[in-house]
Amino acid sequence: MIVLGFDTATQATAVGLRLGDGTTLQASDDPAEGERPGHATRLLGLARQLLDEAAVGWSELERIAVGVGPGRFTGLRVGIATARGLAQSLKSGVVGVSSLGALARPAGEHAEAVLAVIDARRGEVFAAAYLAGQESTPAGAVAPGALKDLTAVAAGPWLAVGDGAVRYRTYLEGAGIEVPDAGSGLHTIAGAAVCELGAASEAQALEAVLPDYRRRPDAEVALERVAVPVAAATFAGVPVPGAPAGAPREGGR
């Protein structure tokens, strides 16, 4: 089965092309610190690069596999919309796979017990524990100090990977969990892993491939923080800078 797989759950854009003989080509775009992710501008270009390298046409793709998170909200939307669009236009199968599962897969070649950790910002991480390649604790958004609790399912030794593991290395190493050097490829999601998981899974209906957010989007939370004090001030009849002119005041006529 020829599978095009990609993941946009983190800053990086990872793409893989699994050929019929089981070999896989990979390409990625990993922005430098401080640069914006290039998911929307780089994803299809990287895919086209791999197809050209393998002399495979778009119409020959049998399945599209996409990482559905958890991860960065904007990135997930770009990746999933692209996967659904390609599958619909090419009439190929499509399947969503766990971004944490894809992150943990290569690390499983180095350790039996793996903790996959993606930086969720807001002082949290998205994380899940894997034993022998199988998820042993469900993915969720947790505080860095709670990561050690996810490893209670087995004695270890544990290996933690991902940009969240790099950022919160102190918490992990303090709990006796190994974290590879920051430059290790184990900290990035591999396109090959997305392809492997996609090839091993059942195809899904287009509408079933959805983002796995695991918490409310940042923009929604920010809007709520603004909306609550504005609503309270409006009710009290207090002018609010930046509020729409002529907005109704629930506290008066």
Protein backbone atom coordinates (compact mmCIF):
# COMPACT_ATOMS: atom_id res chain seq x y z
CA MET A 1 0.00 0.00 0.00
CA ILE A 2 1.30 3.46 -0.92
CA VAL A 3 0.68 5.84 1.97
CA LEU A 4 1.31 9.57 2.24
CA GLY A 5 1.53 10.53 5.90
CA PHE A 6 2.10 13.87 7.60
CA ASP A 7 1.87 15.58 10.95
CA THR A 8 1.49 19.26 11.86
CA ALA A 9 0.81 18.97 15.60
CA THR A 10 4.07 20.70 16.59
CA GLN A 11 6.14 23.56 15.18
CA ALA A 12 7.59 21.15 12.61
CA THR A 13 5.92 19.85 9.45
CA ALA A 14 6.73 16.15 9.00
CA VAL A 15 5.92 14.21 5.83
CA GLY A 16 6.50 10.58 4.89
CA LEU A 17 5.81 8.45 1.81
CA ARG A 18 5.51 4.71 2.35
CA LEU A 19 5.94 2.76 -0.87
CA GLY A 20 4.45 -0.57 -1.84
CA ASP A 21 7.62 -2.47 -0.88
CA GLY A 22 7.53 -1.04 2.65
CA THR A 23 10.36 1.47 2.24
CA THR A 24 9.67 5.02 3.36
CA LEU A 25 10.93 8.42 2.24
CA GLN A 26 10.80 11.37 4.62
CA ALA A 27 11.02 15.15 4.54
CA SER A 28 10.43 17.82 7.16
CA ASP A 29 10.44 21.53 7.83
CA ASP A 30 11.56 22.44 11.35
CA PRO A 31 11.54 26.22 11.92
CA ALA A 32 14.26 27.76 14.04
CA GLU A 33 13.26 28.99 17.49
CA GLY A 34 11.22 32.17 17.17
CA GLU A 35 10.15 31.46 13.58
CA ARG A 36 6.53 30.75 12.67
CA PRO A 37 5.54 27.21 11.60
CA GLY A 38 5.32 26.68 7.85
CA HIS A 39 2.51 24.13 7.85
CA ALA A 40 0.27 25.92 5.36
CA THR A 41 3.08 26.89 3.00
CA ARG A 42 5.37 23.86 3.20
CA LEU A 43 3.16 20.78 3.62
CA LEU A 44 2.11 20.14 0.03
CA GLY A 45 5.53 21.14 -1.29
CA LEU A 46 7.23 18.55 0.89
CA ALA A 47 4.71 15.93 -0.20
CA ARG A 48 5.32 16.75 -3.86
CA GLN A 49 9.07 16.53 -3.27
CA LEU A 50 8.76 12.96 -1.98
CA LEU A 51 6.40 11.91 -4.77
CA ASP A 52 8.82 13.23 -7.37
CA GLU A 53 11.74 11.49 -5.68
CA ALA A 54 9.88 8.17 -5.74
CA ALA A 55 8.41 8.75 -9.22
CA VAL A 56 4.94 8.25 -7.79
CA GLY A 57 1.92 10.20 -9.03
CA TRP A 58 -0.73 11.73 -6.77
CA SER A 59 -3.32 9.37 -8.25
CA GLU A 60 -1.28 6.35 -7.11
CA LEU A 61 -1.72 7.21 -3.42
CA GLU A 62 -3.90 4.59 -1.75
CA ARG A 63 -4.15 6.16 1.67
CA ILE A 64 -3.60 9.51 3.39
CA ALA A 65 -2.56 9.33 7.04
CA VAL A 66 -2.56 12.44 9.23
CA GLY A 67 -1.58 13.15 12.82
CA VAL A 68 -4.69 14.40 14.62
CA GLY A 69 -3.00 15.54 17.81
CA PRO A 70 -3.06 16.47 20.48
CA GLY A 71 -0.95 19.48 19.59
CA ARG A 72 -1.07 23.03 18.29
CA PHE A 73 -4.58 23.95 17.26
CA THR A 74 -3.80 25.88 14.06
CA GLY A 75 -1.37 23.23 12.88
CA LEU A 76 -3.87 20.44 13.46
CA ARG A 77 -6.54 22.25 11.47
CA VAL A 78 -4.14 22.76 8.54
CA GLY A 79 -3.04 19.13 8.50
CA ILE A 80 -6.50 17.61 8.83
CA ALA A 81 -8.07 19.93 6.24
CA THR A 82 -5.26 19.03 3.82
CA ALA A 83 -5.67 15.29 4.44
CA ARG A 84 -9.42 15.39 3.96
CA GLY A 85 -9.10 17.53 0.83
CA LEU A 86 -6.53 15.20 -0.73
CA ALA A 87 -8.48 12.06 0.12
CA GLN A 88 -11.65 13.50 -1.36
CA SER A 89 -10.02 14.73 -4.58
CA LEU A 90 -7.89 11.60 -5.08
CA LYS A 91 -10.61 9.20 -3.92
CA SER A 92 -8.10 7.54 -1.61
CA GLY A 93 -8.56 6.20 1.90
CA VAL A 94 -7.85 8.47 4.87
CA VAL A 95 -7.07 7.78 8.50
CA GLY A 96 -6.18 9.90 11.53
CA VAL A 97 -3.45 8.70 13.87
CA SER A 98 -2.26 9.86 17.27
CA SER A 99 0.54 12.43 17.07
CA LEU A 100 1.81 11.22 20.46
CA GLY A 101 1.73 7.65 19.20
CA ALA A 102 3.77 8.65 16.15
CA LEU A 103 6.23 10.48 18.39
CA ALA A 104 6.64 7.44 20.65
CA ARG A 105 7.06 4.88 17.85
CA PRO A 106 10.76 5.43 16.95
CA ALA A 107 11.66 5.79 20.64
CA GLY A 108 10.22 2.32 21.18
CA GLU A 109 13.26 0.93 19.41
CA HIS A 110 15.42 2.29 22.24
CA ALA A 111 13.27 1.65 25.31
CA GLU A 112 10.36 -0.56 26.34
CA ALA A 113 8.71 2.26 28.29
CA VAL A 114 8.29 5.59 26.49
CA LEU A 115 6.73 8.86 27.60
CA ALA A 116 5.72 11.02 24.61
CA VAL A 117 5.51 14.71 25.55
CA ILE A 118 4.41 17.62 23.32
CA ASP A 119 4.67 21.20 24.59
CA ALA A 120 1.10 22.49 24.99
CA ARG A 121 2.12 25.97 26.17
CA ARG A 122 0.17 27.65 29.00
CA GLY A 123 2.52 25.77 31.35
CA GLU A 124 1.17 22.37 30.29
CA VAL A 125 2.14 19.44 28.09
CA PHE A 126 0.21 16.86 26.09
CA ALA A 127 1.51 13.47 27.14
CA ALA A 128 0.86 9.73 27.06
CA ALA A 129 2.81 6.70 28.25
CA TYR A 130 3.56 3.71 26.01
CA LEU A 131 4.67 0.20 26.93
CA ALA A 132 5.97 -2.03 24.13
CA GLY A 133 4.42 0.33 21.61
CA GLN A 134 0.95 0.29 23.17
CA GLU A 135 -0.63 3.28 24.90
CA SER A 136 -0.79 2.50 28.61
CA THR A 137 -2.13 5.82 29.90
CA PRO A 138 -4.56 7.95 27.88
CA ALA A 139 -3.31 11.15 26.29
CA GLY A 140 -4.10 14.32 28.17
CA ALA A 141 -2.99 17.84 29.04
CA VAL A 142 -1.07 17.83 32.33
CA ALA A 143 1.26 20.05 34.32
CA PRO A 144 4.97 19.18 33.92
CA GLY A 145 5.17 18.21 37.58
CA ALA A 146 2.54 15.51 36.99
CA LEU A 147 4.45 13.74 34.23
CA LYS A 148 6.03 11.32 36.67
CA ASP A 149 2.54 10.10 37.63
CA LEU A 150 2.02 8.77 34.10
CA THR A 151 4.93 6.37 34.58
CA ALA A 152 3.37 4.66 37.62
CA VAL A 153 2.08 1.90 35.32
CA ALA A 154 5.55 0.31 35.08
CA ALA A 155 8.90 0.41 36.84
CA GLY A 156 10.79 1.41 33.70
CA PRO A 157 13.43 2.55 32.93
CA TRP A 158 11.53 5.29 31.08
CA LEU A 159 12.57 7.35 28.09
CA ALA A 160 10.83 10.70 27.49
CA VAL A 161 10.78 12.27 24.02
CA GLY A 162 9.27 15.34 22.36
CA ASP A 163 9.65 19.11 22.53
CA GLY A 164 7.80 19.04 25.84
CA ALA A 165 10.37 16.61 27.26
CA VAL A 166 13.17 18.94 26.19
CA ARG A 167 11.49 22.00 27.70
CA TYR A 168 10.68 20.31 30.99
CA ARG A 169 13.78 18.13 31.22
CA THR A 170 14.36 19.17 34.85
CA TYR A 171 11.06 17.68 36.02
CA LEU A 172 11.63 14.45 34.12
CA GLU A 173 15.25 13.84 35.03
CA GLY A 174 14.40 14.71 38.63
CA ALA A 175 11.96 11.79 38.54
CA GLY A 176 14.62 9.44 37.12
CA ILE A 177 13.27 9.56 33.56
CA GLU A 178 15.86 9.72 30.77
CA VAL A 179 15.63 12.53 28.20
CA PRO A 180 17.85 12.36 25.07
CA ASP A 181 19.99 15.35 24.08
CA ALA A 182 18.03 18.27 22.69
CA GLY A 183 19.35 17.64 19.17
CA SER A 184 18.16 14.03 19.06
CA GLY A 185 15.81 13.13 16.23
CA LEU A 186 13.70 11.23 18.74
CA HIS A 187 12.21 14.54 19.84
CA THR A 188 10.51 15.14 16.48
CA ILE A 189 7.55 13.34 14.95
CA ALA A 190 8.70 11.26 11.98
CA GLY A 191 6.67 11.10 8.78
CA ALA A 192 7.60 7.41 8.53
CA ALA A 193 5.93 6.71 11.87
CA VAL A 194 2.72 8.42 10.71
CA CYS A 195 2.78 6.27 7.57
CA GLU A 196 3.32 3.06 9.56
CA LEU A 197 0.48 3.79 11.94
CA GLY A 198 -1.74 4.80 9.03
CA ALA A 199 -1.01 1.62 7.09
CA ALA A 200 -1.80 -0.52 10.15
CA SER A 201 -5.14 1.20 10.85
CA GLU A 202 -8.56 0.92 9.25
CA ALA A 203 -9.51 3.72 6.88
CA GLN A 204 -12.07 6.21 8.20
CA ALA A 205 -14.86 8.30 6.77
CA LEU A 206 -13.77 11.86 5.94
CA GLU A 207 -15.99 13.37 8.63
CA ALA A 208 -14.52 11.03 11.26
CA VAL A 209 -11.01 12.48 10.90
CA LEU A 210 -11.10 15.24 13.51
CA PRO A 211 -8.60 17.13 15.68
CA ASP A 212 -7.88 15.61 19.09
CA TYR A 213 -7.53 18.86 21.05
CA ARG A 214 -7.67 17.44 24.61
CA ARG A 215 -8.39 20.95 25.90
CA ARG A 216 -10.09 24.15 24.78
CA PRO A 217 -8.33 26.21 22.08
CA ASP A 218 -6.15 29.12 23.26
CA ALA A 219 -8.21 31.65 21.28
CA GLU A 220 -11.43 30.51 22.95
CA VAL A 221 -9.92 30.86 26.41
CA ALA A 222 -8.50 34.31 25.58
CA LEU A 223 -11.87 35.46 24.24
CA GLU A 224 -13.60 34.31 27.39
CA ARG A 225 -11.12 36.21 29.57
CA VAL A 226 -12.00 39.39 27.70
CA ALA A 227 -15.73 38.72 27.40
CA VAL A 228 -16.45 38.18 31.10
CA PRO A 229 -15.15 41.55 32.42
CA VAL A 230 -16.64 43.38 29.41
CA ALA A 231 -20.05 41.83 30.05
CA ALA A 232 -19.87 42.70 33.75
CA ALA A 233 -18.87 46.31 33.06
CA THR A 234 -21.56 46.68 30.40
CA PHE A 235 -24.19 45.39 32.81
CA ALA A 236 -23.07 47.99 35.35
CA GLY A 237 -23.23 50.76 32.75
CA VAL A 238 -19.47 51.38 32.78
CA PRO A 239 -17.89 52.40 29.42
CA VAL A 240 -15.42 49.77 28.25
CA PRO A 241 -12.48 50.81 26.01
CA GLY A 242 -12.54 48.80 22.81
CA ALA A 243 -16.17 47.68 23.22
CA PRO A 244 -18.38 48.21 20.15
CA ALA A 245 -19.95 51.68 19.98
CA GLY A 246 -23.63 51.70 20.85
CA ALA A 247 -23.44 48.27 22.51
CA PRO A 248 -26.58 47.62 24.56
CA ARG A 249 -26.34 48.06 28.30
CA GLU A 250 -28.25 45.35 30.03
CA GLY A 251 -28.36 47.41 33.22
CA GLY A 252 -30.45 50.26 31.77
CA ARG A 253 -32.58 51.43 28.91
